[in-house]
Protein backbone atom coordinates (compact mmCIF):
# COMPACT_ATOMS: atom_id res chain seq x y z
CA MET A 1 -4.80 10.98 -19.24
CA ASN A 2 -2.99 9.48 -16.27
CA GLU A 3 -5.70 7.74 -14.22
CA ASN A 4 -3.36 7.01 -11.30
CA ILE A 5 -2.76 10.28 -9.52
CA ASP A 6 -1.68 9.86 -5.91
CA GLY A 7 -4.31 11.12 -3.51
CA ALA A 8 -7.02 11.41 -6.18
CA ILE A 9 -9.79 9.14 -7.44
CA LEU A 10 -10.84 9.24 -11.07
CA GLN A 11 -14.57 9.80 -11.43
CA ARG A 12 -17.15 8.30 -13.74
CA ASP A 13 -16.73 11.03 -16.34
CA LYS A 14 -13.08 9.92 -16.79
CA SER A 15 -11.92 13.52 -16.69
CA THR A 16 -12.34 14.79 -13.11
CA TYR A 17 -11.17 13.54 -9.75
CA ALA A 18 -12.20 13.37 -6.10
CA ILE A 19 -9.89 13.96 -3.18
CA VAL A 20 -10.59 12.88 0.39
CA PRO A 21 -8.72 14.63 3.21
CA ARG A 22 -8.00 12.61 6.35
CA THR A 23 -10.39 13.51 9.17
CA PRO A 24 -9.62 10.98 11.93
CA ALA A 25 -12.82 9.69 13.60
CA GLY A 26 -14.78 12.31 11.66
CA LEU A 27 -13.53 15.21 13.77
CA LEU A 28 -13.39 18.63 12.12
CA SER A 29 -11.83 21.70 13.69
CA PRO A 30 -12.81 25.23 12.61
CA GLU A 31 -9.41 25.53 10.92
CA VAL A 32 -9.96 22.36 8.86
CA MET A 33 -13.46 23.48 7.84
CA GLU A 34 -12.10 26.85 6.78
CA LYS A 35 -9.43 25.20 4.63
CA ILE A 36 -11.99 22.93 2.99
CA ALA A 37 -14.33 25.85 2.29
CA LEU A 38 -11.44 27.83 0.79
CA VAL A 39 -10.49 24.97 -1.55
CA VAL A 40 -14.08 24.29 -2.61
CA ARG A 41 -14.58 27.94 -3.53
CA LYS A 42 -11.14 28.48 -5.10
CA TYR A 43 -11.41 25.51 -7.47
CA ASN A 44 -15.19 25.64 -7.96
CA ILE A 45 -15.60 22.07 -6.72
CA PRO A 46 -19.21 21.13 -7.55
CA ILE A 47 -19.78 18.39 -4.94
CA THR A 48 -18.68 18.14 -1.32
CA LYS A 49 -20.03 14.92 0.14
CA ILE A 50 -19.89 13.41 3.64
CA THR A 51 -18.91 9.78 3.11
CA SER A 52 -20.03 6.71 5.04
CA GLY A 53 -16.59 6.68 6.65
CA GLN A 54 -17.09 10.10 8.30
CA ARG A 55 -14.91 11.90 5.78
CA LEU A 56 -15.44 14.65 3.21
CA ALA A 57 -15.04 13.87 -0.48
CA LEU A 58 -14.32 16.89 -2.67
CA VAL A 59 -15.57 15.77 -6.07
CA GLY A 60 -15.01 17.35 -9.48
CA LEU A 61 -11.40 18.56 -9.52
CA GLY A 62 -9.53 18.81 -12.79
CA PRO A 63 -6.18 16.97 -12.81
CA GLU A 64 -4.30 20.25 -13.17
CA ASN A 65 -5.62 21.45 -9.79
CA ILE A 66 -5.05 18.37 -7.64
CA GLU A 67 -1.54 19.13 -6.43
CA SER A 68 -2.31 22.77 -5.58
CA ALA A 69 -5.58 21.81 -3.87
CA TRP A 70 -3.73 19.43 -1.57
CA ALA A 71 -1.16 22.13 -0.86
CA ASP A 72 -3.93 24.57 0.08
CA LEU A 73 -5.59 21.98 2.33
CA GLY A 74 -2.40 21.02 4.14
CA LEU A 75 -4.07 17.78 5.25
CA GLY A 76 -3.20 14.11 4.97
CA VAL A 77 -4.74 11.89 2.31
CA GLY A 78 -7.73 9.76 3.27
CA ARG A 79 -6.99 6.63 1.30
CA ALA A 80 -9.93 5.11 -0.58
CA THR A 81 -8.51 2.54 -3.01
CA GLU A 82 -5.11 1.54 -1.65
CA LEU A 83 -4.33 -1.58 0.42
CA CYS A 84 -4.14 0.03 3.84
CA LEU A 85 -6.32 1.50 6.57
CA HIS A 86 -9.05 3.55 4.91
CA TYR A 87 -10.65 5.07 7.98
CA VAL A 88 -11.62 4.73 11.60
CA GLN A 89 -15.32 5.39 12.15
CA ALA A 90 -16.21 6.45 15.70
CA CYS A 91 -19.32 7.57 17.55
CA PRO A 92 -19.27 10.55 19.98
CA GLY A 93 -18.71 8.22 22.97
CA ASN A 94 -18.63 9.32 26.57
CA GLN A 95 -17.23 12.76 25.73
CA VAL A 96 -20.73 13.99 24.84
CA CYS A 97 -23.28 11.17 24.43
CA GLN A 98 -25.49 10.31 27.40
CA PHE A 99 -25.25 6.61 26.51
CA GLY A 100 -21.47 6.52 26.03
CA THR A 101 -19.54 4.37 28.47
CA GLN A 102 -16.06 4.60 26.88
CA ASP A 103 -14.03 7.24 25.00
CA SER A 104 -14.59 6.07 21.42
CA LEU A 105 -13.38 9.33 19.87
CA GLY A 106 -10.08 9.25 21.73
CA LEU A 107 -9.49 5.60 20.88
CA GLY A 108 -10.57 6.08 17.26
CA VAL A 109 -8.11 8.94 16.74
CA LYS A 110 -5.35 6.91 18.40
CA LEU A 111 -5.93 3.91 16.13
CA GLU A 112 -6.05 6.02 12.96
CA GLN A 113 -2.86 7.86 13.83
CA PHE A 114 -1.11 4.56 14.56
CA TYR A 115 -2.18 2.69 11.40
CA ALA A 116 -2.37 5.48 8.83
CA GLY A 117 -0.10 4.56 5.93
CA THR A 118 0.64 1.04 7.19
CA PRO A 119 0.60 -1.46 4.26
CA LEU A 120 -2.03 -4.18 4.68
CA PRO A 121 -3.15 -7.12 2.51
CA ALA A 122 -6.41 -5.32 1.65
CA LYS A 123 -8.32 -2.23 2.64
CA VAL A 124 -9.22 -2.16 6.34
CA LYS A 125 -11.96 -0.22 8.07
CA ILE A 126 -12.25 0.15 11.84
CA GLY A 127 -15.38 0.97 13.84
CA VAL A 128 -15.20 2.20 17.44
CA SER A 129 -18.49 2.41 19.37
CA GLY A 130 -18.65 3.89 22.84
CA CYS A 131 -21.60 1.78 23.97
CA PRO A 132 -23.49 -1.42 22.98
CA PHE A 133 -25.82 0.55 20.69
CA CYS A 134 -22.89 0.16 18.27
CA CYS A 135 -23.48 3.37 16.29
CA ALA A 136 -20.07 3.02 14.60
CA GLU A 137 -21.16 -0.30 13.07
CA SER A 138 -18.35 -2.11 14.86
CA LEU A 139 -19.74 -5.59 14.20
CA MET A 140 -19.58 -4.95 10.44
CA ARG A 141 -16.05 -3.58 10.24
CA ASP A 142 -12.75 -5.35 9.64
CA VAL A 143 -11.83 -4.40 13.18
CA GLY A 144 -14.51 -3.42 15.67
CA LEU A 145 -14.47 -2.18 19.23
CA ILE A 146 -17.51 -1.75 21.46
CA GLY A 147 -17.33 0.04 24.80
CA LYS A 148 -19.22 -1.27 27.82
CA ASN A 149 -19.15 -0.41 31.51
CA SER A 150 -16.85 -3.41 32.01
CA GLY A 151 -14.39 -2.34 29.28
CA TRP A 152 -13.80 -2.86 25.58
CA THR A 153 -14.99 -5.72 23.36
CA VAL A 154 -12.77 -6.46 20.34
CA ILE A 155 -14.25 -7.90 17.13
CA PHE A 156 -12.44 -9.03 13.98
CA GLY A 157 -13.50 -9.97 10.46
CA GLY A 158 -16.70 -8.03 9.89
CA ASN A 159 -17.85 -6.68 6.54
CA ALA A 160 -20.81 -4.62 5.33
CA GLY A 161 -20.26 -5.03 1.60
CA GLY A 162 -21.94 -7.25 -0.96
CA ARG A 163 -21.19 -10.31 1.17
CA PRO A 164 -21.90 -9.03 4.68
CA ARG A 165 -20.42 -10.77 7.69
CA ILE A 166 -20.73 -10.14 11.41
CA GLY A 167 -17.27 -10.13 12.95
CA ASP A 168 -16.02 -12.62 15.52
CA VAL A 169 -15.84 -11.49 19.14
CA LEU A 170 -12.30 -12.16 20.35
CA ALA A 171 -12.30 -10.73 23.86
CA GLU A 172 -14.35 -8.63 26.26
CA LYS A 173 -13.84 -6.50 29.37
CA LEU A 174 -10.49 -5.16 28.13
CA THR A 175 -8.76 -1.98 29.18
CA GLU A 176 -8.03 0.45 26.36
CA GLU A 177 -4.37 -0.55 26.47
CA ASP A 178 -5.18 -4.25 26.21
CA ALA A 179 -7.72 -3.62 23.45
CA VAL A 180 -5.17 -1.71 21.35
CA ALA A 181 -2.62 -4.48 21.92
CA LEU A 182 -5.10 -7.13 20.74
CA VAL A 183 -5.99 -5.12 17.63
CA HIS A 184 -2.28 -4.88 16.84
CA ARG A 185 -1.79 -8.64 17.26
CA CYS A 186 -4.78 -9.37 15.02
CA LEU A 187 -3.61 -7.08 12.24
CA THR A 188 -0.05 -8.41 12.49
CA TYR A 189 -1.35 -11.97 12.05
CA TYR A 190 -3.55 -10.80 9.17
CA GLN A 191 -0.59 -9.05 7.52
CA GLY A 192 1.46 -12.22 7.64
CA ASN A 193 -1.17 -14.72 6.51
CA ALA A 194 -3.79 -13.08 4.28
CA ARG A 195 -3.74 -13.13 0.50
CA LYS A 196 -3.40 -9.91 -1.46
CA LYS A 197 -6.73 -8.05 -1.55
CA GLU A 198 -8.31 -10.59 0.82
CA ARG A 199 -10.52 -8.63 3.23
CA THR A 200 -10.59 -9.76 6.85
CA ALA A 201 -14.10 -11.26 6.42
CA ARG A 202 -12.96 -13.55 3.62
CA PHE A 203 -9.73 -14.28 5.49
CA MET A 204 -11.68 -15.44 8.54
CA GLU A 205 -13.99 -17.55 6.39
CA ARG A 206 -10.96 -19.23 4.82
CA THR A 207 -8.79 -19.75 7.90
CA GLY A 208 -11.34 -19.93 10.72
CA LEU A 209 -11.64 -18.38 14.15
CA GLU A 210 -9.79 -21.20 15.89
CA ALA A 211 -6.66 -20.63 13.81
CA LEU A 212 -6.65 -16.97 14.81
CA ARG A 213 -7.19 -17.84 18.47
CA GLN A 214 -4.33 -20.32 18.39
CA ALA A 215 -2.03 -17.82 16.69
CA LEU A 216 -2.89 -15.26 19.35
CA GLU A 217 -2.58 -17.91 22.07
CA MET A 218 -6.17 -17.29 23.14
CA ARG A 219 -8.36 -20.02 24.62
């Protein structure tokens, strides 16, 4: 059996696969939910699981159904093993939450649309929180943004895995435009200097915050 099927993840039983549609910032429209329900029923998918990255994993597809399931969904692939952006996690932000001070959903969707499919040295996860409660776990993501009344705080190099690391705060009180520009500069530097499969946390441990600040011409 071919274990490397694009857009599918081989499961523990070595015979079935999971697929993960892209749902930027965890947003689901009625149309997307209807498509997912149709596919789950049509192919008798036994497990539909909300992931920690605010996505839906459809688990238990046979290899013969993967291509047609994607065609029925008509959605982009939420990457889970490749060296690229895996997801942008975002809280409800000021669109609905009483504590939200910034539009985390809008910014999260913008960042995912911009970086989806961009090759990176390792997998990258982004967390966008609309207030200092940090519900999107921004301090523990490769790239984190936290909204405050004064603007956006940008964090780089966090990780919540087996070797957790709180990310480094690079700048505060930024406009959305300036925050996006800083994220882009950070990831560009990371692209050019990180080793293959070196997550941002390990990259920052190896190179240091001062090197990043100097490269970004930040004092």
